[in-house]
Amino acid sequence: MKKMLYAVLCGALVVSAQIFAATPTDINYCSKGTTFTGAKYSIYTVRCSNGSKREITAWDNRKKWCVGNASKKNCSNDQLKAAKNACGN
């Protein structure tokens, strides 16, 4: 009985964390840059529902979207997925 109650409570915590996670509300172009190797990228600012602002970076003519400024970490092929990942961090 104790294990079942524990499992139910843990499941409820996971669901509530997903419900209250920040989501992107606005994505705006900020600037562009070039790495020292010559790779071009664009920086976009993401406004999140919790009031914070994050940055995502577009690479390869906006085919690859990554969380952070001039970073190729935590990447996606979709702008919205990258924005959600930025707000969730």
C-alpha atoms as a PDB file:
ATOM      1  CA  MET A   1       0.000   0.000   0.000  1.00  0.00           C
ATOM      2  CA  LYS A   2       2.842   2.370   0.877  1.00  0.00           C
ATOM      3  CA  LYS A   3       4.596   1.720  -2.436  1.00  0.00           C
ATOM      4  CA  MET A   4       1.407   2.374  -4.386  1.00  0.00           C
ATOM      5  CA  LEU A   5       0.789   5.663  -2.577  1.00  0.00           C
ATOM      6  CA  TYR A   6       4.407   6.683  -3.197  1.00  0.00           C
ATOM      7  CA  ALA A   7       4.077   5.895  -6.915  1.00  0.00           C
ATOM      8  CA  VAL A   8       0.871   7.936  -7.192  1.00  0.00           C
ATOM      9  CA  LEU A   9       2.460  10.921  -5.427  1.00  0.00           C
ATOM     10  CA  CYS A  10       5.562  10.782  -7.637  1.00  0.00           C
ATOM     11  CA  GLY A  11       3.396  10.641 -10.746  1.00  0.00           C
ATOM     12  CA  ALA A  12       1.399  13.646  -9.574  1.00  0.00           C
ATOM     13  CA  LEU A  13       4.608  15.623  -8.988  1.00  0.00           C
ATOM     14  CA  VAL A  14       5.866  14.870 -12.495  1.00  0.00           C
ATOM     15  CA  VAL A  15       2.557  15.911 -14.070  1.00  0.00           C
ATOM     16  CA  SER A  16       2.383  19.125 -12.028  1.00  0.00           C
ATOM     17  CA  ALA A  17       5.980  20.012 -12.961  1.00  0.00           C
ATOM     18  CA  GLN A  18       5.113  19.650 -16.647  1.00  0.00           C
ATOM     19  CA  ILE A  19       2.016  21.817 -16.269  1.00  0.00           C
ATOM     20  CA  PHE A  20       3.904  24.644 -14.545  1.00  0.00           C
ATOM     21  CA  ALA A  21       6.966  24.570 -16.821  1.00  0.00           C
ATOM     22  CA  ALA A  22       7.581  27.840 -18.627  1.00  0.00           C
ATOM     23  CA  THR A  23       6.616  27.940 -22.295  1.00  0.00           C
ATOM     24  CA  PRO A  24       7.788  30.305 -25.044  1.00  0.00           C
ATOM     25  CA  THR A  25       5.476  33.243 -25.708  1.00  0.00           C
ATOM     26  CA  ASP A  26       7.536  35.255 -28.198  1.00  0.00           C
ATOM     27  CA  ILE A  27      10.606  34.701 -30.424  1.00  0.00           C
ATOM     28  CA  ASN A  28      12.464  37.698 -31.889  1.00  0.00           C
ATOM     29  CA  TYR A  29      15.552  38.066 -34.053  1.00  0.00           C
ATOM     30  CA  CYS A  30      18.401  39.682 -32.138  1.00  0.00           C
ATOM     31  CA  SER A  31      21.672  39.616 -34.119  1.00  0.00           C
ATOM     32  CA  LYS A  32      23.997  37.532 -36.260  1.00  0.00           C
ATOM     33  CA  GLY A  33      27.566  36.459 -35.904  1.00  0.00           C
ATOM     34  CA  THR A  34      30.402  34.362 -37.269  1.00  0.00           C
ATOM     35  CA  THR A  35      32.566  31.901 -35.368  1.00  0.00           C
ATOM     36  CA  PHE A  36      36.352  31.992 -35.650  1.00  0.00           C
ATOM     37  CA  THR A  37      36.090  29.096 -38.119  1.00  0.00           C
ATOM     38  CA  GLY A  38      33.777  31.112 -40.369  1.00  0.00           C
ATOM     39  CA  ALA A  39      30.463  29.433 -39.483  1.00  0.00           C
ATOM     40  CA  LYS A  40      27.558  31.887 -39.561  1.00  0.00           C
ATOM     41  CA  TYR A  41      24.747  31.884 -37.005  1.00  0.00           C
ATOM     42  CA  SER A  42      21.822  34.049 -35.908  1.00  0.00           C
ATOM     43  CA  ILE A  43      20.731  34.766 -32.351  1.00  0.00           C
ATOM     44  CA  TYR A  44      17.061  34.944 -31.367  1.00  0.00           C
ATOM     45  CA  THR A  45      15.602  36.018 -28.029  1.00  0.00           C
ATOM     46  CA  VAL A  46      12.849  33.847 -26.559  1.00  0.00           C
ATOM     47  CA  ARG A  47      10.451  35.344 -24.026  1.00  0.00           C
ATOM     48  CA  CYS A  48       9.075  32.711 -21.655  1.00  0.00           C
ATOM     49  CA  SER A  49       5.727  32.596 -19.844  1.00  0.00           C
ATOM     50  CA  ASN A  50       7.484  32.949 -16.473  1.00  0.00           C
ATOM     51  CA  GLY A  51       8.891  36.359 -17.522  1.00  0.00           C
ATOM     52  CA  SER A  52      12.444  35.215 -18.261  1.00  0.00           C
ATOM     53  CA  LYS A  53      14.293  35.762 -21.528  1.00  0.00           C
ATOM     54  CA  ARG A  54      16.538  33.118 -23.109  1.00  0.00           C
ATOM     55  CA  GLU A  55      18.564  32.896 -26.292  1.00  0.00           C
ATOM     56  CA  ILE A  56      18.518  30.331 -29.068  1.00  0.00           C
ATOM     57  CA  THR A  57      20.932  30.177 -31.984  1.00  0.00           C
ATOM     58  CA  ALA A  58      20.097  29.299 -35.600  1.00  0.00           C
ATOM     59  CA  TRP A  59      22.717  27.472 -37.682  1.00  0.00           C
ATOM     60  CA  ASP A  60      22.904  26.259 -41.290  1.00  0.00           C
ATOM     61  CA  ASN A  61      20.423  28.802 -42.686  1.00  0.00           C
ATOM     62  CA  ARG A  62      17.930  28.151 -39.859  1.00  0.00           C
ATOM     63  CA  LYS A  63      17.978  24.372 -40.336  1.00  0.00           C
ATOM     64  CA  LYS A  64      19.428  23.715 -36.868  1.00  0.00           C
ATOM     65  CA  TRP A  65      18.282  25.496 -33.694  1.00  0.00           C
ATOM     66  CA  CYS A  66      20.299  25.346 -30.482  1.00  0.00           C
ATOM     67  CA  VAL A  67      19.807  26.630 -26.930  1.00  0.00           C
ATOM     68  CA  GLY A  68      22.230  29.387 -25.933  1.00  0.00           C
ATOM     69  CA  ASN A  69      24.307  32.072 -27.575  1.00  0.00           C
ATOM     70  CA  ALA A  70      26.673  30.729 -30.280  1.00  0.00           C
ATOM     71  CA  SER A  71      26.285  27.226 -28.878  1.00  0.00           C
ATOM     72  CA  LYS A  72      25.726  23.963 -30.693  1.00  0.00           C
ATOM     73  CA  LYS A  73      24.454  22.171 -27.585  1.00  0.00           C
ATOM     74  CA  ASN A  74      20.907  20.974 -26.960  1.00  0.00           C
ATOM     75  CA  CYS A  75      19.913  21.347 -30.624  1.00  0.00           C
ATOM     76  CA  SER A  76      16.780  20.583 -32.632  1.00  0.00           C
ATOM     77  CA  ASN A  77      15.643  20.842 -36.241  1.00  0.00           C
ATOM     78  CA  ASP A  78      12.627  22.854 -35.083  1.00  0.00           C
ATOM     79  CA  GLN A  79      12.663  26.438 -33.773  1.00  0.00           C
ATOM     80  CA  LEU A  80       9.745  25.894 -31.407  1.00  0.00           C
ATOM     81  CA  LYS A  81      11.326  22.786 -29.849  1.00  0.00           C
ATOM     82  CA  ALA A  82      14.538  24.712 -29.196  1.00  0.00           C
ATOM     83  CA  ALA A  83      12.526  27.581 -27.680  1.00  0.00           C
ATOM     84  CA  LYS A  84      10.649  25.153 -25.414  1.00  0.00           C
ATOM     85  CA  ASN A  85      13.955  23.620 -24.327  1.00  0.00           C
ATOM     86  CA  ALA A  86      15.348  27.096 -23.585  1.00  0.00           C
ATOM     87  CA  CYS A  87      12.357  28.016 -21.427  1.00  0.00           C
ATOM     88  CA  GLY A  88      12.390  24.674 -19.663  1.00  0.00           C
ATOM     89  CA  ASN A  89      16.012  25.055 -18.524  1.00  0.00           C
END
